[in-house]
Amino acid sequence: MAIAHSIRSFDLSIGERVSAIIAALAEGRQRRKVYRQTMRELSALSSRELTDLGIHRSMITRVALEAAYGK
């Protein structure tokens, strides 16, 4: 029987950790901004305009999530 261990070395200083956290928060804020803007713009379109884009009104949330988070 083989056992595999993965050892990670965290050689980051406190400053580097704080910087990484701040960068992650900024990225999250930017993604939420894209999500809200996409939701706002698509919701403002008429059903006909959405149909021209190939989007049903029920798909707006999914399209906004894909735009912001790539999911």
C-alpha atoms as a PDB file:
ATOM      1  CA  MET A   1       0.000   0.000   0.000  1.00  0.00           C
ATOM      2  CA  ALA A   2       1.382   3.353  -1.018  1.00  0.00           C
ATOM      3  CA  ILE A   3       0.799   6.526   0.920  1.00  0.00           C
ATOM      4  CA  ALA A   4       1.213   9.893  -0.728  1.00  0.00           C
ATOM      5  CA  HIS A   5       1.861  12.990   1.303  1.00  0.00           C
ATOM      6  CA  SER A   6       1.785  16.503   0.041  1.00  0.00           C
ATOM      7  CA  ILE A   7       3.753  19.022   2.020  1.00  0.00           C
ATOM      8  CA  ARG A   8       3.322  22.670   1.309  1.00  0.00           C
ATOM      9  CA  SER A   9       5.716  25.217   2.570  1.00  0.00           C
ATOM     10  CA  PHE A  10       4.143  28.529   3.440  1.00  0.00           C
ATOM     11  CA  ASP A  11       7.016  30.937   3.428  1.00  0.00           C
ATOM     12  CA  LEU A  12       4.843  34.007   3.090  1.00  0.00           C
ATOM     13  CA  SER A  13       5.365  36.861   5.477  1.00  0.00           C
ATOM     14  CA  ILE A  14       2.473  38.559   7.221  1.00  0.00           C
ATOM     15  CA  GLY A  15       2.705  41.460   4.767  1.00  0.00           C
ATOM     16  CA  GLU A  16       2.488  39.104   1.785  1.00  0.00           C
ATOM     17  CA  ARG A  17      -0.513  37.347   3.309  1.00  0.00           C
ATOM     18  CA  VAL A  18      -2.280  40.655   3.935  1.00  0.00           C
ATOM     19  CA  SER A  19      -1.489  41.768   0.376  1.00  0.00           C
ATOM     20  CA  ALA A  20      -2.911  38.511  -0.985  1.00  0.00           C
ATOM     21  CA  ILE A  21      -6.096  38.946   1.047  1.00  0.00           C
ATOM     22  CA  ILE A  22      -6.498  42.546  -0.113  1.00  0.00           C
ATOM     23  CA  ALA A  23      -5.953  41.484  -3.735  1.00  0.00           C
ATOM     24  CA  ALA A  24      -8.562  38.717  -3.383  1.00  0.00           C
ATOM     25  CA  LEU A  25     -11.062  41.162  -1.888  1.00  0.00           C
ATOM     26  CA  ALA A  26     -10.441  43.663  -4.694  1.00  0.00           C
ATOM     27  CA  GLU A  27     -10.920  40.940  -7.307  1.00  0.00           C
ATOM     28  CA  GLY A  28     -14.165  39.860  -5.665  1.00  0.00           C
ATOM     29  CA  ARG A  29     -15.399  43.444  -5.591  1.00  0.00           C
ATOM     30  CA  GLN A  30     -14.597  43.842  -9.296  1.00  0.00           C
ATOM     31  CA  ARG A  31     -16.407  40.598 -10.161  1.00  0.00           C
ATOM     32  CA  ARG A  32     -19.488  41.698  -8.188  1.00  0.00           C
ATOM     33  CA  LYS A  33     -19.406  45.019 -10.042  1.00  0.00           C
ATOM     34  CA  VAL A  34     -19.421  43.186 -13.398  1.00  0.00           C
ATOM     35  CA  TYR A  35     -22.272  40.961 -12.192  1.00  0.00           C
ATOM     36  CA  ARG A  36     -24.414  43.900 -11.028  1.00  0.00           C
ATOM     37  CA  GLN A  37     -23.756  45.897 -14.188  1.00  0.00           C
ATOM     38  CA  THR A  38     -24.622  42.939 -16.438  1.00  0.00           C
ATOM     39  CA  MET A  39     -27.810  42.285 -14.464  1.00  0.00           C
ATOM     40  CA  ARG A  40     -28.784  45.953 -14.667  1.00  0.00           C
ATOM     41  CA  GLU A  41     -28.152  46.230 -18.409  1.00  0.00           C
ATOM     42  CA  LEU A  42     -29.866  42.970 -19.368  1.00  0.00           C
ATOM     43  CA  SER A  43     -32.846  43.648 -17.107  1.00  0.00           C
ATOM     44  CA  ALA A  44     -33.332  47.014 -18.799  1.00  0.00           C
ATOM     45  CA  LEU A  45     -33.737  45.387 -22.228  1.00  0.00           C
ATOM     46  CA  SER A  46     -37.149  44.524 -23.614  1.00  0.00           C
ATOM     47  CA  SER A  47     -38.122  40.906 -24.192  1.00  0.00           C
ATOM     48  CA  ARG A  48     -37.751  41.460 -27.924  1.00  0.00           C
ATOM     49  CA  GLU A  49     -34.204  42.803 -27.542  1.00  0.00           C
ATOM     50  CA  LEU A  50     -33.308  39.845 -25.341  1.00  0.00           C
ATOM     51  CA  THR A  51     -34.750  37.461 -27.934  1.00  0.00           C
ATOM     52  CA  ASP A  52     -32.610  39.139 -30.603  1.00  0.00           C
ATOM     53  CA  LEU A  53     -29.576  38.343 -28.409  1.00  0.00           C
ATOM     54  CA  GLY A  54     -30.751  34.763 -27.951  1.00  0.00           C
ATOM     55  CA  ILE A  55     -31.405  35.246 -24.237  1.00  0.00           C
ATOM     56  CA  HIS A  56     -34.641  34.460 -22.440  1.00  0.00           C
ATOM     57  CA  ARG A  57     -35.504  36.677 -19.484  1.00  0.00           C
ATOM     58  CA  SER A  58     -35.128  33.697 -17.145  1.00  0.00           C
ATOM     59  CA  MET A  59     -31.490  33.347 -18.266  1.00  0.00           C
ATOM     60  CA  ILE A  60     -30.360  36.829 -17.177  1.00  0.00           C
ATOM     61  CA  THR A  61     -28.974  35.721 -13.820  1.00  0.00           C
ATOM     62  CA  ARG A  62     -27.044  32.835 -15.374  1.00  0.00           C
ATOM     63  CA  VAL A  63     -25.599  35.061 -18.102  1.00  0.00           C
ATOM     64  CA  ALA A  64     -24.533  37.641 -15.500  1.00  0.00           C
ATOM     65  CA  LEU A  65     -22.872  34.956 -13.376  1.00  0.00           C
ATOM     66  CA  GLU A  66     -21.000  33.635 -16.416  1.00  0.00           C
ATOM     67  CA  ALA A  67     -19.892  37.164 -17.320  1.00  0.00           C
ATOM     68  CA  ALA A  68     -18.555  37.857 -13.841  1.00  0.00           C
ATOM     69  CA  TYR A  69     -17.352  34.492 -12.588  1.00  0.00           C
ATOM     70  CA  GLY A  70     -17.023  32.370 -15.702  1.00  0.00           C
ATOM     71  CA  LYS A  71     -19.316  29.678 -14.329  1.00  0.00           C
END
